[in-house]
Protein backbone atom coordinates (compact mmCIF):
# COMPACT_ATOMS: atom_id res chain seq x y z
CA ALA A 1 -8.31 9.38 -26.69
CA VAL A 2 -8.93 5.97 -24.67
CA THR A 3 -12.27 4.93 -24.40
CA VAL A 4 -12.19 1.60 -23.13
CA ARG A 5 -13.03 1.10 -19.60
CA ASP A 6 -11.61 -0.03 -16.24
CA THR A 7 -13.83 -2.89 -15.78
CA GLY A 8 -14.33 -3.54 -11.95
CA ALA A 9 -11.97 -1.59 -11.15
CA SER A 10 -14.28 0.64 -8.61
CA ALA A 11 -15.52 -2.43 -6.98
CA VAL A 12 -12.15 -4.03 -5.91
CA ALA A 13 -10.92 -0.55 -4.77
CA VAL A 14 -13.73 0.02 -2.57
CA ALA A 15 -13.64 -3.58 -0.91
CA THR A 16 -9.73 -3.13 -0.46
CA ALA A 17 -10.33 -0.33 1.40
CA ARG A 18 -13.75 -1.79 3.11
CA ASP A 19 -11.33 -4.74 3.85
CA LEU A 20 -7.95 -3.03 5.00
CA THR A 21 -10.45 -0.89 7.54
CA ARG A 22 -11.82 -3.77 8.97
CA LEU A 23 -8.53 -5.51 9.45
CA GLY A 24 -7.30 -2.78 11.40
CA LEU A 25 -3.93 -2.37 9.56
CA LEU A 26 -4.35 1.34 9.02
CA GLN A 27 -4.11 4.35 11.37
CA GLN A 28 -7.14 5.49 9.77
CA ALA A 29 -9.88 4.93 6.95
CA PRO A 30 -8.28 5.24 3.72
CA HIS A 31 -9.40 8.04 1.18
CA VAL A 32 -11.28 6.31 -1.83
CA LEU A 33 -11.84 8.47 -4.83
CA LEU A 34 -13.34 6.90 -7.72
CA CYS A 35 -14.25 8.94 -11.53
CA HIS A 36 -16.75 7.79 -13.57
CA VAL A 37 -16.32 9.89 -16.23
CA ALA A 38 -15.29 8.30 -19.99
CA ARG A 39 -11.82 8.68 -20.92
CA SER A 40 -13.26 10.14 -24.30
CA VAL A 41 -13.99 13.63 -22.01
CA VAL A 42 -10.79 13.27 -19.79
CA ASP A 43 -7.65 11.19 -18.91
CA VAL A 44 -7.12 12.11 -15.13
CA ASN A 45 -3.51 9.48 -15.50
CA ARG A 46 -2.37 12.20 -17.72
CA PRO A 47 -1.19 15.85 -17.45
CA PRO A 48 -3.97 18.16 -18.34
CA GLN A 49 -2.57 19.69 -21.23
CA GLY A 50 -3.37 17.95 -24.65
CA GLY A 51 -5.83 15.05 -25.38
CA ALA A 52 -9.52 14.87 -24.05
CA SER A 53 -8.48 16.50 -20.94
CA ALA A 54 -7.97 19.80 -22.71
CA SER A 55 -11.55 20.67 -23.42
CA VAL A 56 -13.40 22.80 -21.27
CA LEU A 57 -15.29 19.46 -19.94
CA GLY A 58 -12.52 17.57 -19.51
CA GLY A 59 -10.53 20.53 -17.85
CA ARG A 60 -12.81 21.10 -15.22
CA VAL A 61 -13.20 17.48 -14.49
CA HIS A 62 -9.14 16.84 -14.34
CA GLU A 63 -8.87 19.76 -11.76
CA GLY A 64 -11.44 18.78 -9.70
CA TYR A 65 -10.35 15.25 -9.31
CA HIS A 66 -6.67 16.45 -8.72
CA SER A 67 -7.81 19.01 -6.71
CA ALA A 68 -9.73 16.02 -4.46
CA LEU A 69 -6.89 13.40 -4.94
CA ASP A 70 -4.26 16.17 -3.52
CA ALA A 71 -5.92 16.93 -0.39
CA ALA A 72 -6.45 13.06 0.22
CA LEU A 73 -2.50 12.69 -0.25
CA ALA A 74 -1.93 15.54 2.06
CA ALA A 75 -3.98 13.98 4.82
CA ALA A 76 -2.56 10.82 4.25
CA ALA A 77 1.04 11.85 4.39
CA ALA A 78 0.32 13.90 7.66
CA ALA A 79 -1.89 10.78 9.47
CA ALA A 80 1.18 8.35 8.25
CA ARG A 81 4.03 7.27 10.83
CA GLY A 82 6.41 6.34 7.94
CA ALA A 83 5.22 6.76 4.21
CA ALA A 84 1.81 6.56 3.17
CA CYS A 85 0.77 4.84 0.00
CA PHE A 86 -1.74 5.73 -2.91
CA LEU A 87 -2.90 2.74 -4.78
CA ASP A 88 -4.32 3.33 -8.39
CA PHE A 89 -6.83 0.53 -9.60
CA HIS A 90 -6.86 0.49 -13.33
CA ALA A 91 -8.00 -2.64 -15.46
CA GLN A 92 -6.39 -4.40 -18.61
CA ALA A 93 -6.65 -7.48 -21.34
CA HIS A 94 -3.46 -8.39 -21.36
CA PHE A 95 -3.84 -11.88 -21.36
CA ARG A 96 -3.89 -12.22 -25.27
CA ALA A 97 -0.22 -11.25 -25.00
CA ASN A 98 0.65 -12.92 -21.99
CA GLY A 99 0.16 -16.60 -23.23
CA GLY A 100 -3.32 -16.68 -21.90
CA VAL A 101 -3.11 -16.15 -18.45
CA ASP A 102 -4.72 -13.28 -16.16
CA PHE A 103 -2.33 -11.37 -14.01
CA VAL A 104 -2.91 -8.67 -11.67
CA GLU A 105 -0.14 -6.19 -13.06
CA LEU A 106 1.31 -4.53 -10.39
CA GLY A 107 3.27 -1.04 -11.55
CA TYR A 108 6.23 0.61 -9.60
CA GLY A 109 7.67 2.80 -12.49
CA VAL A 110 10.30 -0.01 -12.89
CA PRO A 111 10.10 -0.77 -17.00
CA LEU A 112 9.89 -4.41 -18.03
CA ALA A 113 13.12 -4.35 -19.80
CA ALA A 114 14.60 -3.46 -16.31
CA LEU A 115 12.98 -6.30 -14.55
CA ARG A 116 14.22 -8.54 -16.88
CA GLN A 117 17.81 -7.75 -16.22
CA GLY A 118 17.16 -8.67 -12.58
CA PRO A 119 18.54 -7.53 -8.97
CA ALA A 120 21.97 -6.85 -10.93
CA LEU A 121 20.68 -3.80 -12.57
CA LEU A 122 18.57 -2.26 -9.41
CA GLY A 123 21.39 -3.15 -7.19
CA GLY A 124 24.18 -1.56 -9.05
CA ASP A 125 26.18 1.08 -8.94
CA THR A 126 25.56 2.26 -12.54
CA GLU A 127 23.83 5.43 -13.48
CA GLU A 128 21.17 3.44 -15.09
CA GLY A 129 20.34 1.45 -11.97
CA ALA A 130 20.63 4.62 -9.95
CA SER A 131 18.06 6.14 -12.27
CA ILE A 132 15.64 3.45 -12.13
CA ARG A 133 15.81 3.43 -8.38
CA ASP A 134 14.84 7.01 -8.23
CA ALA A 135 12.21 6.49 -10.33
CA CYS A 136 10.77 3.32 -8.41
CA SER A 137 7.16 4.12 -6.56
CA LEU A 138 8.21 2.44 -3.48
CA ARG A 139 11.41 4.28 -2.93
CA ARG A 140 10.66 6.03 0.20
CA LEU A 141 9.39 2.25 1.84
CA TRP A 142 12.56 0.99 0.73
CA LEU A 143 15.03 3.76 2.15
CA ASP A 144 12.92 3.50 5.24
CA ALA A 145 13.49 -0.24 5.88
CA ARG A 146 17.47 0.13 4.99
CA GLY A 147 17.28 2.71 7.54
CA ALA A 148 15.95 0.69 10.00
CA GLY A 149 18.52 -1.67 9.13
CA LEU A 150 16.67 -4.44 7.43
CA PRO A 151 18.79 -5.53 4.73
CA LEU A 152 16.32 -5.56 1.89
CA GLU A 153 17.01 -5.02 -1.63
CA LEU A 154 14.81 -2.92 -4.15
CA PHE A 155 14.28 -6.20 -6.41
CA ASP A 156 13.26 -8.41 -3.51
CA LEU A 157 10.55 -5.76 -2.40
CA VAL A 158 9.17 -5.24 -6.30
CA ALA A 159 9.47 -8.99 -7.73
CA GLY A 160 11.45 -10.94 -5.15
CA GLU A 161 10.49 -12.93 -2.47
CA ARG A 162 9.30 -10.12 -0.47
CA SER A 163 7.00 -8.50 -3.37
CA LEU A 164 3.28 -8.10 -3.02
CA GLY A 165 2.83 -9.73 -6.54
CA CYS A 166 4.80 -13.27 -4.88
CA ALA A 167 2.24 -12.75 -1.62
CA MET A 168 -0.58 -12.27 -4.16
CA THR A 169 0.18 -15.15 -5.94
CA ARG A 170 0.35 -17.43 -2.78
CA ALA A 171 -2.44 -16.30 -1.48
CA GLY A 172 -4.26 -17.61 -5.33
CA LEU A 173 -4.14 -14.43 -7.17
CA PRO A 174 -1.58 -14.66 -9.85
CA ALA A 175 0.32 -11.49 -9.85
CA ALA A 176 3.47 -9.98 -11.40
CA PRO A 177 6.07 -9.01 -11.50
CA ARG A 178 6.99 -11.72 -8.84
CA PRO A 179 10.06 -14.24 -8.91
CA GLY A 180 10.75 -15.84 -11.96
CA LEU A 181 8.12 -13.55 -13.74
CA PRO A 182 9.51 -11.82 -15.94
CA ALA A 183 12.33 -14.12 -16.69
CA VAL A 184 15.81 -12.80 -15.91
CA ALA A 185 18.02 -12.44 -18.50
CA GLY A 186 20.21 -15.77 -18.63
CA THR A 187 17.69 -17.83 -17.07
CA MET A 188 15.33 -18.80 -19.78
CA GLU A 189 14.29 -22.20 -20.84
CA ALA A 190 16.48 -23.98 -23.32
CA GLY A 191 14.85 -23.07 -26.70
CA SER A 192 13.64 -19.85 -25.55
CA ASP A 193 15.08 -17.05 -28.45
CA SER A 194 15.24 -14.17 -26.27
CA ALA A 195 14.18 -12.85 -22.13
CA ALA A 196 11.05 -11.58 -23.83
CA ALA A 197 9.75 -15.26 -25.04
CA ALA A 198 11.08 -16.99 -22.14
CA PRO A 199 8.16 -18.78 -20.58
CA HIS A 200 7.91 -19.27 -16.84
CA ALA A 201 6.59 -22.47 -16.23
CA THR A 202 4.95 -23.81 -13.33
CA GLU A 203 2.46 -26.48 -12.26
CA ALA A 204 -1.09 -26.04 -12.29
CA GLY A 205 -3.30 -29.65 -11.90
CA GLY A 206 -0.51 -31.45 -12.49
CA ALA A 207 0.05 -29.62 -15.93
CA ARG A 208 3.61 -27.69 -16.96
CA VAL A 209 1.94 -24.46 -17.88
CA ALA A 210 3.97 -21.51 -19.88
CA HIS A 211 3.69 -18.15 -18.36
CA GLN A 212 5.17 -15.02 -19.98
CA LEU A 213 4.92 -11.21 -19.26
CA ASP A 214 5.10 -9.85 -22.88
CA LYS A 215 2.67 -6.73 -22.35
CA TYR A 216 2.81 -5.16 -18.91
CA PHE A 217 1.48 -1.49 -17.49
CA HIS A 218 4.30 -0.49 -15.30
CA GLY A 219 3.16 2.58 -13.68
CA GLY A 220 5.65 4.89 -16.23
CA HIS A 221 3.00 6.82 -17.66
CA SER A 222 0.83 7.82 -14.65
CA TRP A 223 0.91 11.66 -13.86
CA THR A 224 0.10 11.35 -10.61
CA LEU A 225 2.82 8.54 -9.80
CA GLU A 226 5.36 11.27 -11.64
CA ARG A 227 4.15 13.90 -9.46
CA LEU A 228 4.48 11.82 -6.16
CA ARG A 229 8.14 10.78 -7.46
CA ALA A 230 9.23 14.44 -7.57
CA GLY A 231 7.57 15.79 -4.85
CA GLU A 232 8.02 16.38 -1.35
CA LEU A 233 4.95 14.19 0.32
CA ARG A 234 5.99 11.06 1.85
CA VAL A 235 4.02 9.02 -0.46
CA ASP A 236 4.58 6.00 -2.36
CA ALA A 237 2.35 4.82 -5.09
CA LEU A 238 1.16 1.41 -6.66
CA GLN A 239 -0.60 1.22 -9.76
CA ILE A 240 -2.77 -1.84 -9.74
CA GLU A 241 -4.05 -3.28 -12.96
CA LEU A 242 -6.97 -5.77 -12.85
CA PRO A 243 -7.32 -8.34 -15.66
CA ILE A 244 -10.72 -7.49 -17.36
CA ARG A 245 -11.78 -11.02 -17.81
CA ARG A 246 -11.65 -11.29 -13.86
CA ALA A 247 -13.32 -7.92 -13.23
CA GLY A 248 -15.52 -7.01 -10.33
CA ASN A 249 -14.79 -9.14 -7.02
CA SER A 250 -14.74 -12.69 -9.00
CA PHE A 251 -11.02 -13.06 -7.91
CA HIS A 252 -11.18 -16.66 -6.62
CA TRP A 253 -8.37 -18.49 -8.95
CA ALA A 254 -6.44 -21.24 -7.54
CA ALA A 255 -2.98 -20.63 -6.10
CA ASP A 256 0.08 -21.16 -8.37
CA ALA A 257 2.26 -23.48 -6.99
CA GLU A 258 5.17 -22.03 -8.10
CA CYS A 259 5.92 -19.25 -5.84
C-alpha cells in the first residue's frame, strides 16, 4: 500500500476553491472533498477491489468518499453551462528525477511518451492518436471549443501556449506540461541521447538551467478520471500533483522566463 502523505494538498485545494469563489469565476461555490485517511487504510484513487480498500474499514471509507464525490460531480454538472471540472490535488517528490526542479505536474490522462511525440500524434488521424484524444480528461472542453468554431488543437490545450502549465509558469509557478517541456522528439539539444534525457534549458537569474521531465504523473491511474472519461456526466478532470518540497501555501517561486 502507498503510505506517503499528500503533504499540502488539502490546504492548496481549499485555497483554490476560496480564491475561485472570491474572484467570481464560477457560477456557484465549488464543492471541496478532503480525504484524511491514511493510504495504508484506503486508496480512494483506485478501484475498491484489491489493496488496502479491500478491508472492511477501507471499503467503508472508499464507499463513503465516492458517494459524496458522485453527488458533488452530479450537482456541478447540472449547474454548469458547459462542462464542469474535477480538480484532484495530490503531492509528489519527482524533483529527484527531474533535474532537481520542482514542477507542479498537471495530469490530463496523456502519457509522457505521447507528449514527447508532440502535436503530430494528438492531432493526427492515426488510431493511436484517436485513442489518446479519447482518453484526455479535457476532451469535453476541447470539443466544446471546436464546436464553437475556435481553432484550438488538443496539444495546445494540454502542453502548448494556451495550456494551464504555460499560464502557471508565466505566473511564477513552474508547471508541466508546457511548451518545450517535455521536449518533443526531434527538438532535443545537441548531445542529448534521447527525448527522455533531453534538457529544456531556460534562463534563471542570468544562468542557463537545464530542465527535464523524466518522472510525471499523467492522471492515467485515477479511478475517478477513468469513470469520468467513460461516463455520461459532462465533467472534465485535471490531476494536480504539487511538489512536496513546496507544500502548503508556499508557492512563491520566481517566474520562469522561458514561457
